[in-house]
């Protein structure tokens, strides 16, 4: 089965190699996240014109929409990593899956909170059992379930495998979240941004949204590198390469 894993990915799966890679990538990813975040927020909150129907209330989309996209993206990454962990028993895949869960849960929580803040002036209520909102809430519960199941085991690797199985089962909810506005009659507005076709949103509003989307992607990369790097050190605590890093840090 290992023949299906690309050579570069196989090498990156080595804990020492990944730790060095993560330590190198993390500051660059965080720097880009801050850069695109500042550009996107300035473009969305200052430069973009008011919406002809919603006025300035729509501007919450520059937080809400990228967070919603990331809630699904991170879950997909967690599910794929969990599958790799179960099939090929790669330690790094377990770490990536488990350390993605808190990040994805945070994005999902932000999505639900900003959606409620947006829904109050638009729909007249903080919450409605809309198909999109309900499936997004289920996504949050799945994230919390993965986190809880992982920490329910004393053996961390056993807990990661059990939680990975739950993550794989729950991945069916991701397309439900995405297509819920098309499959059911909902209050939530339909798709306005199409990355591979014509978007209904004017460019003056679209480019800040895309900048914020890049910011969230780079933030996820930076946060995952930090969390996974720390977890790898804990799992490999007795290895020579970890002791060498600890000695190098102590000598600074």
C-alpha atoms as a PDB file:
ATOM      1  CA  UNK A   1       0.000   0.000   0.000  1.00  0.00           C
ATOM      2  CA  UNK A   2       2.912   2.363   0.651  1.00  0.00           C
ATOM      3  CA  UNK A   3       3.548   2.608  -3.111  1.00  0.00           C
ATOM      4  CA  UNK A   4       0.546   4.931  -3.318  1.00  0.00           C
ATOM      5  CA  UNK A   5       2.238   7.468  -1.016  1.00  0.00           C
ATOM      6  CA  UNK A   6       4.429   9.977  -2.938  1.00  0.00           C
ATOM      7  CA  UNK A   7       8.107   9.864  -1.996  1.00  0.00           C
ATOM      8  CA  UNK A   8       8.145  13.496  -0.818  1.00  0.00           C
ATOM      9  CA  UNK A   9       5.141  12.846   1.426  1.00  0.00           C
ATOM     10  CA  UNK A  10       6.743   9.699   2.786  1.00  0.00           C
ATOM     11  CA  UNK A  11       9.866  11.682   3.689  1.00  0.00           C
ATOM     12  CA  UNK A  12       7.815  14.498   5.197  1.00  0.00           C
ATOM     13  CA  UNK A  13       6.093  11.891   7.362  1.00  0.00           C
ATOM     14  CA  UNK A  14       9.325  11.404   9.282  1.00  0.00           C
ATOM     15  CA  UNK A  15       8.886  13.243  12.626  1.00  0.00           C
ATOM     16  CA  UNK A  16      12.330  14.966  12.559  1.00  0.00           C
ATOM     17  CA  UNK A  17      11.829  16.076   8.948  1.00  0.00           C
ATOM     18  CA  UNK A  18       8.332  17.365   9.624  1.00  0.00           C
ATOM     19  CA  UNK A  19       9.418  19.227  12.744  1.00  0.00           C
ATOM     20  CA  UNK A  20      12.151  21.058  10.830  1.00  0.00           C
ATOM     21  CA  UNK A  21       9.721  21.758   7.990  1.00  0.00           C
ATOM     22  CA  UNK A  22       7.049  23.072  10.374  1.00  0.00           C
ATOM     23  CA  UNK A  23       9.503  25.274  12.242  1.00  0.00           C
ATOM     24  CA  UNK A  24      10.611  26.824   8.941  1.00  0.00           C
ATOM     25  CA  UNK A  25       7.151  27.296   7.458  1.00  0.00           C
ATOM     26  CA  UNK A  26       5.352  28.587  10.562  1.00  0.00           C
ATOM     27  CA  UNK A  27       6.684  32.191  10.714  1.00  0.00           C
ATOM     28  CA  UNK A  28       6.237  32.670   6.955  1.00  0.00           C
ATOM     29  CA  UNK A  29       2.680  31.335   7.064  1.00  0.00           C
ATOM     30  CA  UNK A  30       1.769  33.522  10.043  1.00  0.00           C
ATOM     31  CA  UNK A  31       3.328  36.565   8.394  1.00  0.00           C
ATOM     32  CA  UNK A  32       1.303  35.994   5.231  1.00  0.00           C
ATOM     33  CA  UNK A  33      -1.833  35.410   7.316  1.00  0.00           C
ATOM     34  CA  UNK A  34      -1.368  38.792   9.004  1.00  0.00           C
ATOM     35  CA  UNK A  35      -0.578  40.532   5.711  1.00  0.00           C
ATOM     36  CA  UNK A  36      -3.597  39.206   3.843  1.00  0.00           C
ATOM     37  CA  UNK A  37      -5.773  39.675   6.945  1.00  0.00           C
ATOM     38  CA  UNK A  38      -4.936  43.370   7.187  1.00  0.00           C
ATOM     39  CA  UNK A  39      -5.418  43.869   3.435  1.00  0.00           C
ATOM     40  CA  UNK A  40      -8.691  41.942   3.408  1.00  0.00           C
ATOM     41  CA  UNK A  41     -10.171  43.683   6.437  1.00  0.00           C
ATOM     42  CA  UNK A  42      -9.208  47.130   5.185  1.00  0.00           C
ATOM     43  CA  UNK A  43     -10.637  46.348   1.763  1.00  0.00           C
ATOM     44  CA  UNK A  44     -13.826  44.876   3.202  1.00  0.00           C
ATOM     45  CA  UNK A  45     -14.508  47.301   6.040  1.00  0.00           C
ATOM     46  CA  UNK A  46     -13.248  50.538   4.456  1.00  0.00           C
ATOM     47  CA  UNK A  47     -12.918  50.319   0.674  1.00  0.00           C
ATOM     48  CA  UNK A  48     -15.820  48.065  -0.323  1.00  0.00           C
ATOM     49  CA  UNK A  49     -19.094  49.925  -1.024  1.00  0.00           C
ATOM     50  CA  UNK A  50     -22.261  49.277   1.027  1.00  0.00           C
ATOM     51  CA  UNK A  51     -24.597  46.591  -0.248  1.00  0.00           C
ATOM     52  CA  UNK A  52     -27.656  47.971  -2.052  1.00  0.00           C
ATOM     53  CA  UNK A  53     -30.008  45.873   0.133  1.00  0.00           C
ATOM     54  CA  UNK A  54     -28.156  45.199   3.392  1.00  0.00           C
ATOM     55  CA  UNK A  55     -26.170  48.420   3.693  1.00  0.00           C
ATOM     56  CA  UNK A  56     -23.084  48.107   5.888  1.00  0.00           C
ATOM     57  CA  UNK A  57     -24.488  45.120   7.812  1.00  0.00           C
ATOM     58  CA  UNK A  58     -23.241  42.781   5.085  1.00  0.00           C
ATOM     59  CA  UNK A  59     -19.586  43.504   5.963  1.00  0.00           C
ATOM     60  CA  UNK A  60     -19.600  40.694   8.492  1.00  0.00           C
ATOM     61  CA  UNK A  61     -19.246  38.366   5.511  1.00  0.00           C
ATOM     62  CA  UNK A  62     -15.529  39.152   5.411  1.00  0.00           C
ATOM     63  CA  UNK A  63     -15.232  37.174   8.660  1.00  0.00           C
ATOM     64  CA  UNK A  64     -18.214  34.846   8.329  1.00  0.00           C
ATOM     65  CA  UNK A  65     -17.700  33.446   4.856  1.00  0.00           C
ATOM     66  CA  UNK A  66     -13.949  32.650   5.066  1.00  0.00           C
ATOM     67  CA  UNK A  67     -14.551  31.033   8.467  1.00  0.00           C
ATOM     68  CA  UNK A  68     -17.390  28.937   7.013  1.00  0.00           C
ATOM     69  CA  UNK A  69     -15.200  27.805   4.127  1.00  0.00           C
ATOM     70  CA  UNK A  70     -12.409  26.937   6.557  1.00  0.00           C
ATOM     71  CA  UNK A  71     -14.767  24.979   8.806  1.00  0.00           C
ATOM     72  CA  UNK A  72     -15.406  22.603   5.887  1.00  0.00           C
ATOM     73  CA  UNK A  73     -11.858  22.683   4.519  1.00  0.00           C
ATOM     74  CA  UNK A  74     -10.264  21.804   7.861  1.00  0.00           C
ATOM     75  CA  UNK A  75     -12.754  18.993   8.445  1.00  0.00           C
ATOM     76  CA  UNK A  76     -11.937  17.559   5.029  1.00  0.00           C
ATOM     77  CA  UNK A  77      -8.223  17.747   5.888  1.00  0.00           C
ATOM     78  CA  UNK A  78      -8.926  16.051   9.218  1.00  0.00           C
ATOM     79  CA  UNK A  79     -10.907  13.298   7.523  1.00  0.00           C
ATOM     80  CA  UNK A  80      -8.257  12.649   4.878  1.00  0.00           C
ATOM     81  CA  UNK A  81      -5.487  12.640   7.494  1.00  0.00           C
ATOM     82  CA  UNK A  82      -7.555  10.292   9.649  1.00  0.00           C
ATOM     83  CA  UNK A  83      -8.001   7.931   6.702  1.00  0.00           C
ATOM     84  CA  UNK A  84      -4.250   7.907   6.040  1.00  0.00           C
ATOM     85  CA  UNK A  85      -3.634   7.305   9.748  1.00  0.00           C
ATOM     86  CA  UNK A  86      -5.974   4.308   9.841  1.00  0.00           C
ATOM     87  CA  UNK A  87      -4.825   2.726   6.584  1.00  0.00           C
ATOM     88  CA  UNK A  88      -1.078   3.344   6.677  1.00  0.00           C
ATOM     89  CA  UNK A  89      -0.601   3.872  10.449  1.00  0.00           C
ATOM     90  CA  UNK A  90       1.487   7.005   9.854  1.00  0.00           C
ATOM     91  CA  UNK A  91       2.089   8.806  13.146  1.00  0.00           C
ATOM     92  CA  UNK A  92       2.223  12.239  11.528  1.00  0.00           C
ATOM     93  CA  UNK A  93      -1.196  11.727   9.915  1.00  0.00           C
ATOM     94  CA  UNK A  94      -2.650  11.028  13.357  1.00  0.00           C
ATOM     95  CA  UNK A  95      -1.061  14.217  14.682  1.00  0.00           C
ATOM     96  CA  UNK A  96      -2.321  16.345  11.763  1.00  0.00           C
ATOM     97  CA  UNK A  97      -5.857  14.976  12.124  1.00  0.00           C
ATOM     98  CA  UNK A  98      -6.038  15.514  15.879  1.00  0.00           C
ATOM     99  CA  UNK A  99      -4.370  18.930  15.887  1.00  0.00           C
ATOM    100  CA  UNK A 100      -6.617  20.124  13.057  1.00  0.00           C
ATOM    101  CA  UNK A 101      -9.726  19.478  15.148  1.00  0.00           C
ATOM    102  CA  UNK A 102      -9.394  22.412  17.612  1.00  0.00           C
ATOM    103  CA  UNK A 103      -8.563  24.797  14.759  1.00  0.00           C
ATOM    104  CA  UNK A 104     -11.564  23.657  12.749  1.00  0.00           C
ATOM    105  CA  UNK A 105     -13.814  23.844  15.806  1.00  0.00           C
ATOM    106  CA  UNK A 106     -12.743  27.457  16.347  1.00  0.00           C
ATOM    107  CA  UNK A 107     -13.534  28.387  12.732  1.00  0.00           C
ATOM    108  CA  UNK A 108     -16.928  26.646  13.008  1.00  0.00           C
ATOM    109  CA  UNK A 109     -17.741  28.482  16.241  1.00  0.00           C
ATOM    110  CA  UNK A 110     -16.826  31.817  14.627  1.00  0.00           C
ATOM    111  CA  UNK A 111     -19.038  30.907  11.668  1.00  0.00           C
ATOM    112  CA  UNK A 112     -22.033  30.241  13.901  1.00  0.00           C
ATOM    113  CA  UNK A 113     -21.534  33.385  16.022  1.00  0.00           C
ATOM    114  CA  UNK A 114     -21.054  35.724  13.051  1.00  0.00           C
ATOM    115  CA  UNK A 115     -23.955  34.044  11.281  1.00  0.00           C
ATOM    116  CA  UNK A 116     -26.184  34.823  14.252  1.00  0.00           C
ATOM    117  CA  UNK A 117     -24.972  38.424  14.342  1.00  0.00           C
ATOM    118  CA  UNK A 118     -25.720  38.713  10.631  1.00  0.00           C
ATOM    119  CA  UNK A 119     -29.047  36.912  10.883  1.00  0.00           C
ATOM    120  CA  UNK A 120     -30.515  39.188  13.557  1.00  0.00           C
ATOM    121  CA  UNK A 121     -30.809  42.323  11.355  1.00  0.00           C
ATOM    122  CA  UNK A 122     -31.494  40.335   8.177  1.00  0.00           C
ATOM    123  CA  UNK A 123     -33.970  37.695   9.432  1.00  0.00           C
ATOM    124  CA  UNK A 124     -35.092  39.288  12.677  1.00  0.00           C
ATOM    125  CA  UNK A 125     -33.806  36.401  14.819  1.00  0.00           C
ATOM    126  CA  UNK A 126     -30.501  35.231  16.265  1.00  0.00           C
ATOM    127  CA  UNK A 127     -31.124  31.622  15.288  1.00  0.00           C
ATOM    128  CA  UNK A 128     -33.388  29.547  13.088  1.00  0.00           C
ATOM    129  CA  UNK A 129     -33.248  25.845  12.339  1.00  0.00           C
ATOM    130  CA  UNK A 130     -32.238  26.586   8.786  1.00  0.00           C
ATOM    131  CA  UNK A 131     -30.625  23.691   6.882  1.00  0.00           C
ATOM    132  CA  UNK A 132     -27.282  25.505   6.499  1.00  0.00           C
ATOM    133  CA  UNK A 133     -27.162  26.645  10.133  1.00  0.00           C
ATOM    134  CA  UNK A 134     -28.222  23.255  11.481  1.00  0.00           C
ATOM    135  CA  UNK A 135     -25.690  21.305   9.428  1.00  0.00           C
ATOM    136  CA  UNK A 136     -22.968  23.770  10.488  1.00  0.00           C
ATOM    137  CA  UNK A 137     -23.942  23.186  14.132  1.00  0.00           C
ATOM    138  CA  UNK A 138     -23.682  19.439  13.527  1.00  0.00           C
ATOM    139  CA  UNK A 139     -20.201  20.092  12.132  1.00  0.00           C
ATOM    140  CA  UNK A 140     -19.225  21.790  15.403  1.00  0.00           C
ATOM    141  CA  UNK A 141     -20.530  18.808  17.383  1.00  0.00           C
ATOM    142  CA  UNK A 142     -18.486  16.472  15.175  1.00  0.00           C
ATOM    143  CA  UNK A 143     -15.345  18.495  15.860  1.00  0.00           C
ATOM    144  CA  UNK A 144     -16.051  18.418  19.596  1.00  0.00           C
ATOM    145  CA  UNK A 145     -16.756  14.683  19.388  1.00  0.00           C
ATOM    146  CA  UNK A 146     -13.394  14.045  17.729  1.00  0.00           C
ATOM    147  CA  UNK A 147     -11.596  16.139  20.358  1.00  0.00           C
ATOM    148  CA  UNK A 148     -13.434  14.442  23.225  1.00  0.00           C
ATOM    149  CA  UNK A 149     -12.900  10.912  21.896  1.00  0.00           C
ATOM    150  CA  UNK A 150      -9.193  11.562  21.326  1.00  0.00           C
ATOM    151  CA  UNK A 151      -8.696  12.677  24.926  1.00  0.00           C
ATOM    152  CA  UNK A 152     -10.829   9.850  26.339  1.00  0.00           C
ATOM    153  CA  UNK A 153      -7.986   7.333  25.868  1.00  0.00           C
ATOM    154  CA  UNK A 154      -4.834   7.127  27.953  1.00  0.00           C
ATOM    155  CA  UNK A 155      -2.977   5.762  24.918  1.00  0.00           C
ATOM    156  CA  UNK A 156      -2.785   8.784  22.624  1.00  0.00           C
ATOM    157  CA  UNK A 157      -2.277   6.760  19.459  1.00  0.00           C
ATOM    158  CA  UNK A 158      -5.237   4.527  20.271  1.00  0.00           C
ATOM    159  CA  UNK A 159      -7.328   7.626  20.928  1.00  0.00           C
ATOM    160  CA  UNK A 160      -6.187   9.168  17.630  1.00  0.00           C
ATOM    161  CA  UNK A 161      -7.229   6.068  15.703  1.00  0.00           C
ATOM    162  CA  UNK A 162     -10.665   5.986  17.356  1.00  0.00           C
ATOM    163  CA  UNK A 163     -11.178   9.718  16.752  1.00  0.00           C
ATOM    164  CA  UNK A 164      -9.968   9.364  13.152  1.00  0.00           C
ATOM    165  CA  UNK A 165     -12.678   6.769  12.544  1.00  0.00           C
ATOM    166  CA  UNK A 166     -15.304   9.211  13.836  1.00  0.00           C
ATOM    167  CA  UNK A 167     -13.844  11.973  11.637  1.00  0.00           C
ATOM    168  CA  UNK A 168     -14.141   9.762   8.555  1.00  0.00           C
ATOM    169  CA  UNK A 169     -17.768   8.914   9.320  1.00  0.00           C
ATOM    170  CA  UNK A 170     -18.603  12.564   9.905  1.00  0.00           C
ATOM    171  CA  UNK A 171     -17.129  13.744   6.618  1.00  0.00           C
ATOM    172  CA  UNK A 172     -20.488  13.009   4.998  1.00  0.00           C
ATOM    173  CA  UNK A 173     -21.741  16.200   6.680  1.00  0.00           C
ATOM    174  CA  UNK A 174     -19.330  18.410   4.715  1.00  0.00           C
ATOM    175  CA  UNK A 175     -21.179  18.180   1.370  1.00  0.00           C
ATOM    176  CA  UNK A 176     -24.457  18.543   3.280  1.00  0.00           C
ATOM    177  CA  UNK A 177     -23.234  21.880   4.695  1.00  0.00           C
ATOM    178  CA  UNK A 178     -22.037  23.024   1.281  1.00  0.00           C
ATOM    179  CA  UNK A 179     -25.089  22.006  -0.782  1.00  0.00           C
ATOM    180  CA  UNK A 180     -27.789  22.530   1.842  1.00  0.00           C
ATOM    181  CA  UNK A 181     -28.929  25.820   0.263  1.00  0.00           C
ATOM    182  CA  UNK A 182     -29.396  24.005  -3.063  1.00  0.00           C
ATOM    183  CA  UNK A 183     -31.040  20.843  -1.714  1.00  0.00           C
ATOM    184  CA  UNK A 184     -33.542  22.460   0.678  1.00  0.00           C
ATOM    185  CA  UNK A 185     -35.651  25.592   0.886  1.00  0.00           C
ATOM    186  CA  UNK A 186     -33.683  27.720   3.374  1.00  0.00           C
ATOM    187  CA  UNK A 187     -33.473  31.304   4.580  1.00  0.00           C
ATOM    188  CA  UNK A 188     -29.743  31.298   3.990  1.00  0.00           C
ATOM    189  CA  UNK A 189     -28.747  32.997   0.756  1.00  0.00           C
ATOM    190  CA  UNK A 190     -27.415  30.878  -2.086  1.00  0.00           C
ATOM    191  CA  UNK A 191     -23.899  30.744  -3.480  1.00  0.00           C
ATOM    192  CA  UNK A 192     -22.601  34.112  -4.672  1.00  0.00           C
ATOM    193  CA  UNK A 193     -18.903  33.284  -5.104  1.00  0.00           C
ATOM    194  CA  UNK A 194     -17.759  30.797  -7.718  1.00  0.00           C
ATOM    195  CA  UNK A 195     -13.998  30.268  -7.843  1.00  0.00           C
ATOM    196  CA  UNK A 196     -14.224  28.457 -11.173  1.00  0.00           C
ATOM    197  CA  UNK A 197     -16.897  30.513 -12.876  1.00  0.00           C
ATOM    198  CA  UNK A 198     -18.868  33.738 -12.756  1.00  0.00           C
ATOM    199  CA  UNK A 199     -19.438  35.210  -9.293  1.00  0.00           C
ATOM    200  CA  UNK A 200     -22.508  37.271  -8.465  1.00  0.00           C
ATOM    201  CA  UNK A 201     -20.505  39.508  -6.128  1.00  0.00           C
ATOM    202  CA  UNK A 202     -18.949  42.686  -7.560  1.00  0.00           C
ATOM    203  CA  UNK A 203     -15.154  42.771  -7.717  1.00  0.00           C
ATOM    204  CA  UNK A 204     -14.967  45.602  -5.153  1.00  0.00           C
ATOM    205  CA  UNK A 205     -16.450  43.194  -2.588  1.00  0.00           C
ATOM    206  CA  UNK A 206     -14.947  39.999  -3.963  1.00  0.00           C
ATOM    207  CA  UNK A 207     -11.240  40.764  -3.731  1.00  0.00           C
ATOM    208  CA  UNK A 208     -11.278  41.568   0.028  1.00  0.00           C
ATOM    209  CA  UNK A 209     -13.188  38.329   0.581  1.00  0.00           C
ATOM    210  CA  UNK A 210     -10.567  36.378  -1.357  1.00  0.00           C
ATOM    211  CA  UNK A 211      -7.792  38.115   0.604  1.00  0.00           C
ATOM    212  CA  UNK A 212      -9.436  37.073   3.867  1.00  0.00           C
ATOM    213  CA  UNK A 213      -9.767  33.545   2.508  1.00  0.00           C
ATOM    214  CA  UNK A 214      -6.020  33.433   1.898  1.00  0.00           C
ATOM    215  CA  UNK A 215      -5.442  34.842   5.381  1.00  0.00           C
ATOM    216  CA  UNK A 216      -7.439  32.023   6.978  1.00  0.00           C
ATOM    217  CA  UNK A 217      -5.628  29.393   4.899  1.00  0.00           C
ATOM    218  CA  UNK A 218      -2.213  30.686   5.957  1.00  0.00           C
ATOM    219  CA  UNK A 219      -3.374  30.970   9.568  1.00  0.00           C
ATOM    220  CA  UNK A 220      -4.447  27.333   9.510  1.00  0.00           C
ATOM    221  CA  UNK A 221      -1.051  26.341   8.126  1.00  0.00           C
ATOM    222  CA  UNK A 222       0.800  28.341  10.782  1.00  0.00           C
ATOM    223  CA  UNK A 223      -1.375  27.125  13.634  1.00  0.00           C
ATOM    224  CA  UNK A 224      -1.170  23.506  12.481  1.00  0.00           C
ATOM    225  CA  UNK A 225       2.628  23.713  12.203  1.00  0.00           C
ATOM    226  CA  UNK A 226       2.852  25.033  15.759  1.00  0.00           C
ATOM    227  CA  UNK A 227       0.427  22.538  17.283  1.00  0.00           C
ATOM    228  CA  UNK A 228       1.666  19.531  15.333  1.00  0.00           C
ATOM    229  CA  UNK A 229       5.324  20.399  15.968  1.00  0.00           C
ATOM    230  CA  UNK A 230       4.691  20.579  19.712  1.00  0.00           C
ATOM    231  CA  UNK A 231       2.755  17.307  19.646  1.00  0.00           C
ATOM    232  CA  UNK A 232       5.493  15.545  17.690  1.00  0.00           C
ATOM    233  CA  UNK A 233       8.054  16.596  20.292  1.00  0.00           C
ATOM    234  CA  UNK A 234       5.842  15.176  23.045  1.00  0.00           C
ATOM    235  CA  UNK A 235       5.312  11.875  21.220  1.00  0.00           C
ATOM    236  CA  UNK A 236       8.996  11.512  20.341  1.00  0.00           C
ATOM    237  CA  UNK A 237      10.258  12.740  23.722  1.00  0.00           C
ATOM    238  CA  UNK A 238      12.736   9.903  24.259  1.00  0.00           C
ATOM    239  CA  UNK A 239      14.379  10.082  20.833  1.00  0.00           C
ATOM    240  CA  UNK A 240      17.885  11.383  20.204  1.00  0.00           C
ATOM    241  CA  UNK A 241      16.783  14.044  17.740  1.00  0.00           C
ATOM    242  CA  UNK A 242      14.443  15.554  20.349  1.00  0.00           C
ATOM    243  CA  UNK A 243      17.221  15.648  22.948  1.00  0.00           C
ATOM    244  CA  UNK A 244      19.482  17.362  20.401  1.00  0.00           C
ATOM    245  CA  UNK A 245      16.830  20.041  19.816  1.00  0.00           C
ATOM    246  CA  UNK A 246      16.350  20.520  23.557  1.00  0.00           C
ATOM    247  CA  UNK A 247      20.113  20.883  24.064  1.00  0.00           C
ATOM    248  CA  UNK A 248      20.338  23.364  21.189  1.00  0.00           C
ATOM    249  CA  UNK A 249      17.489  25.439  22.623  1.00  0.00           C
ATOM    250  CA  UNK A 250      19.058  25.361  26.093  1.00  0.00           C
ATOM    251  CA  UNK A 251      22.389  26.559  24.691  1.00  0.00           C
ATOM    252  CA  UNK A 252      20.917  29.707  23.160  1.00  0.00           C
END
